[in-house]
Amino acid sequence: MALNFPNQSRSYDALRKVVFFWGYDGVMEKAFSVPVDALMKIRMIVQYDEASLLNIFDANRVLIYRAASKAYSRKGNGPFNLTAANF
């Protein structure tokens, strides 16, 4: 079964400086994270806060989901930490 992203939830972890989101392969939930530096590669901003990082994520879901699917196809168990190299 293919990885899909029916749950639009995402959250920012300020301590780890990553945005978390979840994909599903059938009924199996898979956790993904995107660190701030990877989001900055997608769209550079000088100062960031939780809202601006989540906005970058939301505006680039297709790109992020595509990178997540590619990472998942290579390493199906996780955890899945997308890096700037994934973009």
C-alpha atoms as a PDB file:
ATOM      1  CA  MET A   1       0.000   0.000   0.000  1.00  0.00           C
ATOM      2  CA  ALA A   2       1.227   3.542  -0.710  1.00  0.00           C
ATOM      3  CA  LEU A   3       2.005   6.176   1.865  1.00  0.00           C
ATOM      4  CA  ASN A   4      -0.662   8.880   2.158  1.00  0.00           C
ATOM      5  CA  PHE A   5      -1.272  11.948   4.295  1.00  0.00           C
ATOM      6  CA  PRO A   6      -4.975  12.207   5.164  1.00  0.00           C
ATOM      7  CA  ASN A   7      -4.225  13.845   8.521  1.00  0.00           C
ATOM      8  CA  GLN A   8      -3.295  17.505   7.960  1.00  0.00           C
ATOM      9  CA  SER A   9      -1.995  17.849  11.532  1.00  0.00           C
ATOM     10  CA  ARG A  10       1.494  19.155  12.107  1.00  0.00           C
ATOM     11  CA  SER A  11       3.183  20.578  15.168  1.00  0.00           C
ATOM     12  CA  TYR A  12       6.308  22.541  15.955  1.00  0.00           C
ATOM     13  CA  ASP A  13       8.644  21.330  18.682  1.00  0.00           C
ATOM     14  CA  ALA A  14      10.628  24.398  19.809  1.00  0.00           C
ATOM     15  CA  LEU A  15      13.063  22.333  21.870  1.00  0.00           C
ATOM     16  CA  ARG A  16      14.080  20.113  18.945  1.00  0.00           C
ATOM     17  CA  LYS A  17      13.442  22.837  16.328  1.00  0.00           C
ATOM     18  CA  VAL A  18      11.455  20.532  14.057  1.00  0.00           C
ATOM     19  CA  VAL A  19       7.975  20.298  12.600  1.00  0.00           C
ATOM     20  CA  PHE A  20       6.368  16.901  13.096  1.00  0.00           C
ATOM     21  CA  PHE A  21       3.740  15.385  10.802  1.00  0.00           C
ATOM     22  CA  TRP A  22       2.303  11.943  10.150  1.00  0.00           C
ATOM     23  CA  GLY A  23       1.706   9.721   7.155  1.00  0.00           C
ATOM     24  CA  TYR A  24      -0.129   6.417   6.867  1.00  0.00           C
ATOM     25  CA  ASP A  25       0.643   3.189   5.082  1.00  0.00           C
ATOM     26  CA  GLY A  26      -2.699   1.435   5.401  1.00  0.00           C
ATOM     27  CA  VAL A  27      -3.464   1.596   9.118  1.00  0.00           C
ATOM     28  CA  MET A  28       0.191   1.993  10.140  1.00  0.00           C
ATOM     29  CA  GLU A  29       1.046   5.525  11.275  1.00  0.00           C
ATOM     30  CA  LYS A  30       4.500   6.811  10.329  1.00  0.00           C
ATOM     31  CA  ALA A  31       6.042   9.841  12.049  1.00  0.00           C
ATOM     32  CA  PHE A  32       8.104  12.390  10.120  1.00  0.00           C
ATOM     33  CA  SER A  33      10.034  15.473  11.136  1.00  0.00           C
ATOM     34  CA  VAL A  34      11.438  18.425   9.221  1.00  0.00           C
ATOM     35  CA  PRO A  35      14.066  20.556  10.988  1.00  0.00           C
ATOM     36  CA  VAL A  36      14.145  24.336  10.771  1.00  0.00           C
ATOM     37  CA  ASP A  37      17.186  24.369   8.451  1.00  0.00           C
ATOM     38  CA  ALA A  38      15.359  22.189   5.929  1.00  0.00           C
ATOM     39  CA  LEU A  39      12.313  24.485   6.038  1.00  0.00           C
ATOM     40  CA  MET A  40      14.670  27.435   5.520  1.00  0.00           C
ATOM     41  CA  LYS A  41      15.994  25.766   2.387  1.00  0.00           C
ATOM     42  CA  ILE A  42      12.432  25.707   1.060  1.00  0.00           C
ATOM     43  CA  ARG A  43      11.807  29.349   1.953  1.00  0.00           C
ATOM     44  CA  MET A  44      14.421  31.526   3.609  1.00  0.00           C
ATOM     45  CA  ILE A  45      13.248  33.937   6.283  1.00  0.00           C
ATOM     46  CA  VAL A  46      15.413  36.049   8.576  1.00  0.00           C
ATOM     47  CA  GLN A  47      13.519  35.552  11.815  1.00  0.00           C
ATOM     48  CA  TYR A  48      11.215  32.693  12.506  1.00  0.00           C
ATOM     49  CA  ASP A  49       8.677  31.661  15.060  1.00  0.00           C
ATOM     50  CA  GLU A  50       6.247  28.782  15.315  1.00  0.00           C
ATOM     51  CA  ALA A  51       3.607  30.444  13.141  1.00  0.00           C
ATOM     52  CA  SER A  52       6.022  31.328  10.322  1.00  0.00           C
ATOM     53  CA  LEU A  53       7.520  27.822  10.261  1.00  0.00           C
ATOM     54  CA  LEU A  54       4.089  26.196  10.169  1.00  0.00           C
ATOM     55  CA  ASN A  55       3.120  28.582   7.355  1.00  0.00           C
ATOM     56  CA  ILE A  56       6.163  27.476   5.349  1.00  0.00           C
ATOM     57  CA  PHE A  57       5.166  23.864   5.964  1.00  0.00           C
ATOM     58  CA  ASP A  58       1.544  24.475   4.944  1.00  0.00           C
ATOM     59  CA  ALA A  59       2.501  26.367   1.789  1.00  0.00           C
ATOM     60  CA  ASN A  60       4.831  23.555   0.711  1.00  0.00           C
ATOM     61  CA  ARG A  61       2.942  20.408   1.702  1.00  0.00           C
ATOM     62  CA  VAL A  62       3.156  18.882  -1.779  1.00  0.00           C
ATOM     63  CA  LEU A  63       6.950  19.242  -1.838  1.00  0.00           C
ATOM     64  CA  ILE A  64       7.311  17.991   1.758  1.00  0.00           C
ATOM     65  CA  TYR A  65       4.962  15.043   1.240  1.00  0.00           C
ATOM     66  CA  ARG A  66       6.826  14.093  -1.931  1.00  0.00           C
ATOM     67  CA  ALA A  67      10.149  14.121  -0.031  1.00  0.00           C
ATOM     68  CA  ALA A  68       8.573  12.111   2.803  1.00  0.00           C
ATOM     69  CA  SER A  69       7.227   9.513   0.370  1.00  0.00           C
ATOM     70  CA  LYS A  70      10.640   9.189  -1.259  1.00  0.00           C
ATOM     71  CA  ALA A  71      12.362   8.764   2.125  1.00  0.00           C
ATOM     72  CA  TYR A  72       9.727   6.222   3.176  1.00  0.00           C
ATOM     73  CA  SER A  73      10.193   4.169   0.006  1.00  0.00           C
ATOM     74  CA  ARG A  74      13.911   3.825   0.849  1.00  0.00           C
ATOM     75  CA  LYS A  75      13.541   3.120   4.572  1.00  0.00           C
ATOM     76  CA  GLY A  76      10.093   1.809   5.440  1.00  0.00           C
ATOM     77  CA  ASN A  77      10.450   1.549   9.218  1.00  0.00           C
ATOM     78  CA  GLY A  78      11.453   5.043  10.383  1.00  0.00           C
ATOM     79  CA  PRO A  79      11.882   7.300  12.154  1.00  0.00           C
ATOM     80  CA  PHE A  80      11.848   9.635   9.203  1.00  0.00           C
ATOM     81  CA  ASN A  81      13.851  12.800   9.715  1.00  0.00           C
ATOM     82  CA  LEU A  82      13.846  14.832   6.522  1.00  0.00           C
ATOM     83  CA  THR A  83      16.883  17.060   6.107  1.00  0.00           C
ATOM     84  CA  ALA A  84      17.798  19.922   3.791  1.00  0.00           C
ATOM     85  CA  ALA A  85      19.297  17.295   1.450  1.00  0.00           C
ATOM     86  CA  ASN A  86      15.800  15.863   0.909  1.00  0.00           C
ATOM     87  CA  PHE A  87      14.747  19.124  -0.764  1.00  0.00           C
END
